[in-house]
Amino acid sequence: MADFRTHITTSAIVGTVYGAAGYVNWGLPIPTCMLAAGLCGVAGMLPDVDSESGVPLRETMAFGAAVIPMLMLERFQHLGLSHESMVLAGGCIYIVIRFGLGELMRRCTVHRGMWHSIPAAALAGTTATLICSCSDTRLRMFKATAVVIGYLTHLLLDELYAVEWYRGRLRFKNTFGTAFKLFSRSLLPNFVTYGLLFLAAATTWYDPMWTIPDRPNPRTFQQVAHDLLDGWLTMPAEQGRRRR
């Protein structure tokens, strides 16, 4: 499999290309493009936080603990927090990520488990959407997409390095297929991963900081049933008028 240096180098190159495309093709601000490039590069380490070496976990938790509070400044403002409250919230987030989440990942994950999967990449993207909370939805999605791209770059490299040329033919290693997967063999990791994904997706959907004006409001079951019943009742009358 690809080593730590290969993963971080590849995701950094991909992130640079992605950031440059955002500036050239979509005219996004340079700081946003640079930040997205950095997020893509760091996201290339995320799948390996379950590594036994501990280096990706240590580096990722340290970076996330320092950067995530700054990415959430606009959300803090939206919540009406004072300057002192923002400092306290940022400090609490740092402690939780640096020590609590890092220790939890170290104890509860196994290498090449569900953290190496497509649902985990989607979970990283939805979580990044919540963290990168800004008033401009386009910039928000651009940064969150950078995280998904970096994550998928890591998974793709793992699959490519699981194929080797041996004695004139291609040979697949035992690790082939363990990165781009939807489920693992254990029920509990599947339940936890998909449960967290559903929770993050629901929280993202109902996030009050969205600025999409035409996003439909959630409808109750009674409203949907009333509309369907009304359509069924008026349909015979409309067909009768057409025949006349």
Protein backbone atom coordinates (compact mmCIF):
# COMPACT_ATOMS: atom_id res chain seq x y z
CA MET A 1 0.00 0.00 0.00
CA ALA A 2 1.03 3.62 -0.41
CA ASP A 3 2.95 5.13 2.49
CA PHE A 4 2.20 8.30 4.40
CA ARG A 5 4.44 10.51 2.25
CA THR A 6 2.88 9.26 -0.98
CA HIS A 7 -0.64 9.91 0.29
CA ILE A 8 0.02 13.42 1.54
CA THR A 9 2.01 14.38 -1.57
CA THR A 10 -0.62 13.10 -3.98
CA SER A 11 -3.54 14.72 -2.16
CA ALA A 12 -1.60 17.99 -1.95
CA ILE A 13 -1.03 17.97 -5.72
CA VAL A 14 -4.68 17.15 -6.36
CA GLY A 15 -5.70 19.92 -3.97
CA THR A 16 -3.48 22.42 -5.75
CA VAL A 17 -5.09 21.56 -9.07
CA TYR A 18 -8.55 21.77 -7.51
CA GLY A 19 -7.83 25.16 -5.96
CA ALA A 20 -6.39 26.50 -9.21
CA ALA A 21 -9.49 25.28 -11.09
CA GLY A 22 -11.69 27.12 -8.62
CA TYR A 23 -9.87 30.37 -9.29
CA VAL A 24 -9.48 30.03 -13.06
CA ASN A 25 -12.78 28.42 -14.02
CA TRP A 26 -15.17 29.69 -11.36
CA GLY A 27 -13.56 32.94 -10.30
CA LEU A 28 -13.51 32.09 -6.60
CA PRO A 29 -11.44 34.20 -4.17
CA ILE A 30 -7.79 33.27 -3.89
CA PRO A 31 -7.89 32.69 -0.08
CA THR A 32 -10.82 30.29 -0.53
CA CYS A 33 -8.98 28.38 -3.25
CA MET A 34 -5.83 28.17 -1.14
CA LEU A 35 -7.80 26.94 1.86
CA ALA A 36 -9.61 24.34 -0.24
CA ALA A 37 -6.27 23.12 -1.59
CA GLY A 38 -4.97 22.73 1.97
CA LEU A 39 -8.11 20.93 3.11
CA CYS A 40 -7.82 18.51 0.21
CA GLY A 41 -4.19 17.82 1.10
CA VAL A 42 -4.97 17.16 4.76
CA ALA A 43 -8.02 15.05 3.86
CA GLY A 44 -5.61 12.69 2.14
CA MET A 45 -4.51 11.62 5.63
CA LEU A 46 -8.00 11.11 7.06
CA PRO A 47 -8.54 7.44 6.09
CA ASP A 48 -5.29 6.48 7.82
CA VAL A 49 -6.28 7.82 11.24
CA ASP A 50 -6.95 4.15 11.99
CA SER A 51 -3.34 3.28 11.16
CA GLU A 52 -1.34 1.40 13.77
CA SER A 53 1.65 3.72 13.36
CA GLY A 54 -0.30 6.65 14.87
CA VAL A 55 1.41 9.29 12.72
CA PRO A 56 -1.63 10.16 10.54
CA LEU A 57 -3.88 10.22 13.60
CA ARG A 58 -1.54 12.51 15.54
CA GLU A 59 -1.00 14.92 12.65
CA THR A 60 -4.66 15.00 11.61
CA MET A 61 -5.97 15.59 15.12
CA ALA A 62 -3.42 18.34 15.73
CA PHE A 63 -4.32 20.10 12.48
CA GLY A 64 -8.07 19.69 12.98
CA ALA A 65 -7.97 20.91 16.58
CA ALA A 66 -6.21 24.10 15.47
CA VAL A 67 -8.09 24.84 12.24
CA ILE A 68 -11.69 23.73 12.90
CA PRO A 69 -12.42 26.45 15.51
CA MET A 70 -11.27 29.09 13.02
CA LEU A 71 -13.46 27.63 10.29
CA MET A 72 -16.43 27.91 12.63
CA LEU A 73 -16.01 31.61 13.44
CA GLU A 74 -18.89 32.67 11.24
CA ARG A 75 -21.14 30.08 12.88
CA PHE A 76 -20.16 31.47 16.27
CA GLN A 77 -21.15 34.92 15.04
CA HIS A 78 -24.44 33.54 13.72
CA LEU A 79 -25.12 32.12 17.20
CA GLY A 80 -24.51 35.56 18.68
CA LEU A 81 -21.51 34.59 20.80
CA SER A 82 -19.33 37.28 22.28
CA HIS A 83 -15.59 37.44 21.63
CA GLU A 84 -14.82 35.80 24.95
CA SER A 85 -17.39 33.05 24.30
CA MET A 86 -15.81 32.37 20.90
CA VAL A 87 -12.42 31.94 22.55
CA LEU A 88 -13.86 29.55 25.12
CA ALA A 89 -15.76 27.58 22.45
CA GLY A 90 -12.62 27.32 20.33
CA GLY A 91 -10.61 26.10 23.30
CA CYS A 92 -13.21 23.46 24.15
CA ILE A 93 -13.29 22.25 20.54
CA TYR A 94 -9.49 22.02 20.55
CA ILE A 95 -9.46 19.88 23.71
CA VAL A 96 -12.27 17.61 22.50
CA ILE A 97 -10.62 16.98 19.11
CA ARG A 98 -7.00 16.86 20.23
CA PHE A 99 -7.49 14.51 23.16
CA GLY A 100 -11.04 13.12 23.25
CA LEU A 101 -11.67 12.33 19.57
CA GLY A 102 -8.08 11.26 18.96
CA GLU A 103 -8.17 8.78 21.83
CA LEU A 104 -11.58 7.50 20.72
CA MET A 105 -10.34 6.87 17.18
CA ARG A 106 -7.25 5.10 18.49
CA ARG A 107 -9.26 2.73 20.66
CA CYS A 108 -12.32 2.08 18.47
CA THR A 109 -10.95 1.74 14.92
CA VAL A 110 -9.02 -0.94 13.11
CA HIS A 111 -6.88 -0.42 10.04
CA ARG A 112 -8.71 -0.87 6.76
CA GLY A 113 -12.06 -0.99 8.55
CA MET A 114 -15.08 1.14 7.72
CA TRP A 115 -12.97 4.28 7.95
CA HIS A 116 -11.63 3.13 4.57
CA SER A 117 -14.95 3.22 2.70
CA ILE A 118 -17.24 5.30 0.52
CA PRO A 119 -19.67 6.05 3.39
CA ALA A 120 -16.76 7.36 5.45
CA ALA A 121 -15.82 9.71 2.60
CA ALA A 122 -19.43 10.95 2.50
CA LEU A 123 -19.36 11.40 6.28
CA ALA A 124 -16.19 13.48 6.01
CA GLY A 125 -17.84 15.64 3.33
CA THR A 126 -21.04 16.29 5.28
CA THR A 127 -19.07 17.04 8.44
CA ALA A 128 -16.89 19.47 6.50
CA THR A 129 -20.05 21.16 5.21
CA LEU A 130 -21.11 21.84 8.80
CA ILE A 131 -17.66 22.99 9.87
CA CYS A 132 -17.03 25.25 6.85
CA SER A 133 -20.03 27.39 7.74
CA CYS A 134 -20.05 30.60 5.75
CA SER A 135 -22.77 32.81 4.32
CA ASP A 136 -21.84 32.02 0.71
CA THR A 137 -23.15 28.53 -0.05
CA ARG A 138 -20.98 28.21 -3.15
CA LEU A 139 -17.77 28.75 -1.17
CA ARG A 140 -19.00 26.42 1.54
CA MET A 141 -19.63 23.56 -0.87
CA PHE A 142 -16.34 24.20 -2.66
CA LYS A 143 -14.38 23.65 0.55
CA ALA A 144 -16.42 20.62 1.59
CA THR A 145 -15.94 19.04 -1.84
CA ALA A 146 -12.18 19.50 -1.43
CA VAL A 147 -12.31 17.28 1.65
CA VAL A 148 -14.21 14.56 -0.22
CA ILE A 149 -11.76 14.69 -3.13
CA GLY A 150 -8.78 14.38 -0.80
CA TYR A 151 -10.40 11.47 0.99
CA LEU A 152 -11.23 9.63 -2.24
CA THR A 153 -7.69 10.26 -3.51
CA HIS A 154 -6.37 8.29 -0.57
CA LEU A 155 -8.79 5.41 -1.18
CA LEU A 156 -7.91 5.34 -4.88
CA LEU A 157 -4.19 5.15 -4.12
CA ASP A 158 -4.78 2.25 -1.75
CA GLU A 159 -6.59 0.34 -4.49
CA LEU A 160 -3.94 1.13 -7.09
CA TYR A 161 -1.14 -0.03 -4.80
CA ALA A 162 -3.04 -3.28 -4.23
CA VAL A 163 -2.34 -4.21 -7.87
CA GLU A 164 1.19 -5.21 -8.88
CA TRP A 165 2.98 -6.59 -11.91
CA TYR A 166 4.36 -10.01 -11.03
CA ARG A 167 6.10 -12.37 -13.48
CA GLY A 168 4.54 -10.86 -16.57
CA ARG A 169 1.00 -10.52 -15.29
CA LEU A 170 -1.09 -8.40 -12.96
CA ARG A 171 -1.59 -9.74 -9.45
CA PHE A 172 -4.09 -8.49 -6.90
CA LYS A 173 -2.99 -8.31 -3.28
CA ASN A 174 -5.19 -9.35 -0.39
CA THR A 175 -5.90 -5.68 0.36
CA PHE A 176 -7.54 -5.08 -3.04
CA GLY A 177 -11.14 -3.99 -2.62
CA THR A 178 -10.81 -3.02 1.04
CA ALA A 179 -10.77 0.75 0.37
CA PHE A 180 -13.64 1.34 -2.07
CA LYS A 181 -16.28 -0.56 -0.14
CA LEU A 182 -19.77 0.14 1.14
CA PHE A 183 -19.89 -2.36 3.99
CA SER A 184 -17.51 -4.27 6.21
CA ARG A 185 -17.88 -7.81 7.49
CA SER A 186 -18.81 -6.63 10.99
CA LEU A 187 -22.29 -5.35 11.73
CA LEU A 188 -21.41 -2.79 14.42
CA PRO A 189 -18.98 -0.69 12.30
CA ASN A 190 -21.56 -0.58 9.50
CA PHE A 191 -24.27 0.55 11.89
CA VAL A 192 -22.09 3.24 13.47
CA THR A 193 -20.79 4.59 10.14
CA TYR A 194 -24.18 4.80 8.45
CA GLY A 195 -25.78 6.12 11.64
CA LEU A 196 -23.25 8.96 11.85
CA LEU A 197 -23.68 9.66 8.14
CA PHE A 198 -27.45 9.92 8.51
CA LEU A 199 -27.09 12.19 11.54
CA ALA A 200 -24.60 14.46 9.76
CA ALA A 201 -26.73 14.61 6.61
CA ALA A 202 -29.88 15.48 8.57
CA THR A 203 -28.05 18.15 10.54
CA THR A 204 -26.65 19.61 7.33
CA TRP A 205 -30.08 19.67 5.67
CA TYR A 206 -31.67 21.56 8.55
CA ASP A 207 -28.71 23.88 9.09
CA PRO A 208 -30.15 27.42 9.48
CA MET A 209 -27.06 28.94 7.85
CA TRP A 210 -27.95 27.73 4.37
CA THR A 211 -28.52 30.60 1.98
CA ILE A 212 -30.24 28.71 -0.84
CA PRO A 213 -33.50 30.64 -1.38
CA ASP A 214 -35.35 27.96 -3.32
CA ARG A 215 -34.60 25.04 -0.99
CA PRO A 216 -37.97 23.40 -0.26
CA ASN A 217 -39.19 23.52 3.31
CA PRO A 218 -39.81 20.17 5.00
CA ARG A 219 -43.44 19.09 4.64
CA THR A 220 -45.42 17.13 7.16
CA PHE A 221 -47.05 13.80 6.42
CA GLN A 222 -50.50 15.39 6.71
CA GLN A 223 -49.64 17.98 4.04
CA VAL A 224 -48.36 15.35 1.62
CA ALA A 225 -51.40 13.12 2.19
CA HIS A 226 -53.78 16.07 1.71
CA ASP A 227 -52.15 17.02 -1.61
CA LEU A 228 -52.28 13.44 -2.90
CA LEU A 229 -55.92 13.04 -1.89
CA ASP A 230 -56.85 16.35 -3.45
CA GLY A 231 -55.15 15.30 -6.70
CA TRP A 232 -56.98 11.99 -6.81
CA LEU A 233 -60.36 13.64 -6.20
CA THR A 234 -59.93 16.31 -8.88
CA MET A 235 -58.50 13.98 -11.52
CA PRO A 236 -61.88 12.39 -12.62
CA ALA A 237 -63.47 15.84 -12.93
CA GLU A 238 -60.64 17.11 -15.11
CA GLN A 239 -60.82 14.02 -17.33
CA GLY A 240 -64.60 14.53 -17.73
CA ARG A 241 -64.14 18.14 -18.84
CA ARG A 242 -61.53 17.08 -21.40
CA ARG A 243 -63.92 14.49 -22.93
CA ARG A 244 -66.63 17.12 -23.31
